[in-house]
Protein backbone atom coordinates (compact mmCIF):
# COMPACT_ATOMS: atom_id res chain seq x y z
CA UNK A 1 7.86 7.84 1.79
CA UNK A 2 5.09 5.82 3.40
CA UNK A 3 6.36 2.32 4.09
CA UNK A 4 2.94 1.02 5.10
CA UNK A 5 1.31 2.13 1.83
CA UNK A 6 4.17 0.69 -0.20
CA UNK A 7 3.88 -2.57 1.71
CA UNK A 8 0.14 -2.73 1.12
CA UNK A 9 0.74 -2.15 -2.57
CA UNK A 10 3.26 -5.02 -2.73
CA UNK A 11 0.83 -7.29 -0.85
CA UNK A 12 -2.07 -6.32 -3.11
CA UNK A 13 -0.09 -7.09 -6.26
CA UNK A 14 1.18 -10.40 -4.85
CA UNK A 15 -2.30 -11.54 -3.81
CA UNK A 16 -3.81 -10.52 -7.16
CA UNK A 17 -1.36 -12.93 -8.79
CA UNK A 18 -2.32 -15.70 -6.35
CA UNK A 19 1.18 -15.90 -4.89
CA UNK A 20 2.12 -16.53 -1.28
CA UNK A 21 4.83 -14.63 0.54
CA UNK A 22 6.87 -17.83 0.50
CA UNK A 23 6.57 -18.18 -3.27
CA UNK A 24 7.72 -14.59 -3.85
CA UNK A 25 10.56 -15.09 -1.38
CA UNK A 26 11.71 -18.30 -3.09
CA UNK A 27 11.75 -16.59 -6.48
CA UNK A 28 13.95 -13.87 -4.97
CA UNK A 29 16.17 -16.26 -3.00
CA UNK A 30 15.06 -14.73 0.31
CA UNK A 31 13.02 -15.71 3.34
CA UNK A 32 9.27 -15.19 3.57
CA UNK A 33 9.97 -13.15 6.71
CA UNK A 34 11.61 -10.52 4.49
CA UNK A 35 8.54 -10.30 2.27
CA UNK A 36 6.35 -10.08 5.38
CA UNK A 37 8.41 -7.16 6.70
CA UNK A 38 8.00 -5.27 3.43
CA UNK A 39 4.27 -5.87 3.35
CA UNK A 40 3.82 -4.75 6.96
CA UNK A 41 5.73 -1.53 6.28
CA UNK A 42 8.63 -2.35 8.58
CA UNK A 43 11.23 -1.88 5.86
CA UNK A 44 11.69 -1.73 2.10
CA UNK A 45 13.36 -4.35 -0.03
CA UNK A 46 17.02 -3.78 -0.79
CA UNK A 47 17.48 -1.91 -4.07
CA UNK A 48 19.14 -4.99 -5.56
CA UNK A 49 15.77 -6.75 -5.29
CA UNK A 50 13.67 -4.04 -6.96
CA UNK A 51 14.02 -5.27 -10.53
CA UNK A 52 13.27 -8.97 -9.90
CA UNK A 53 10.45 -8.05 -7.50
CA UNK A 54 8.86 -5.80 -10.11
CA UNK A 55 9.14 -8.57 -12.69
CA UNK A 56 7.40 -11.02 -10.35
CA UNK A 57 4.65 -8.53 -9.50
CA UNK A 58 4.17 -7.42 -13.10
CA UNK A 59 4.91 -3.75 -12.49
CA UNK A 60 7.50 -1.48 -14.05
CA UNK A 61 10.64 -0.56 -12.19
CA UNK A 62 9.91 3.12 -12.93
CA UNK A 63 6.53 2.86 -11.19
CA UNK A 64 8.04 1.11 -8.19
CA UNK A 65 10.75 3.75 -7.86
CA UNK A 66 8.12 6.47 -8.06
CA UNK A 67 6.12 4.64 -5.41
CA UNK A 68 9.18 4.60 -3.15
CA UNK A 69 10.22 8.17 -3.87
CA UNK A 70 6.81 9.84 -3.60
CA UNK A 71 4.95 7.43 -1.36
CA UNK A 72 2.50 7.16 -4.26
CA UNK A 73 -0.30 4.68 -3.78
CA UNK A 74 -2.65 4.16 -6.73
CA UNK A 75 -6.09 4.25 -5.16
CA UNK A 76 -8.83 2.95 -7.39
CA UNK A 77 -10.84 5.77 -8.86
CA UNK A 78 -14.40 5.72 -10.11
CA UNK A 79 -15.10 6.98 -13.59
CA UNK A 80 -18.17 9.21 -13.72
CA UNK A 81 -19.03 10.54 -17.15
CA UNK A 82 -15.81 11.98 -18.51
CA UNK A 83 -14.35 13.05 -15.17
CA UNK A 84 -12.30 11.04 -12.72
CA UNK A 85 -13.23 11.04 -9.04
C-alpha cells in the first residue's frame, strides 16, 4: 500500500470537484488537519470514513478499497489507435 499515491489520488479528486480540505472535513465531521494528513500520505482515513468520503469524492467504495489494498493509482493513459499506452 502506497500512502502517498493514495493521498495524491484523494487530493486530485477533491480538487477536481473544487472542494477545499476544510469543506471535505466539515462534510465528514472532522478537522481539515485530518484531510491534510491523508493527502500527504501520513495516514489513511479510518475505515468508518471510507463510505462518506467516497460519496463526497464521487468514487465507488470498491475502487477505494482496491486503491488501499493494492496501492493502485489510476495514471492517465493515452489512447493511440486501438491500443492503450
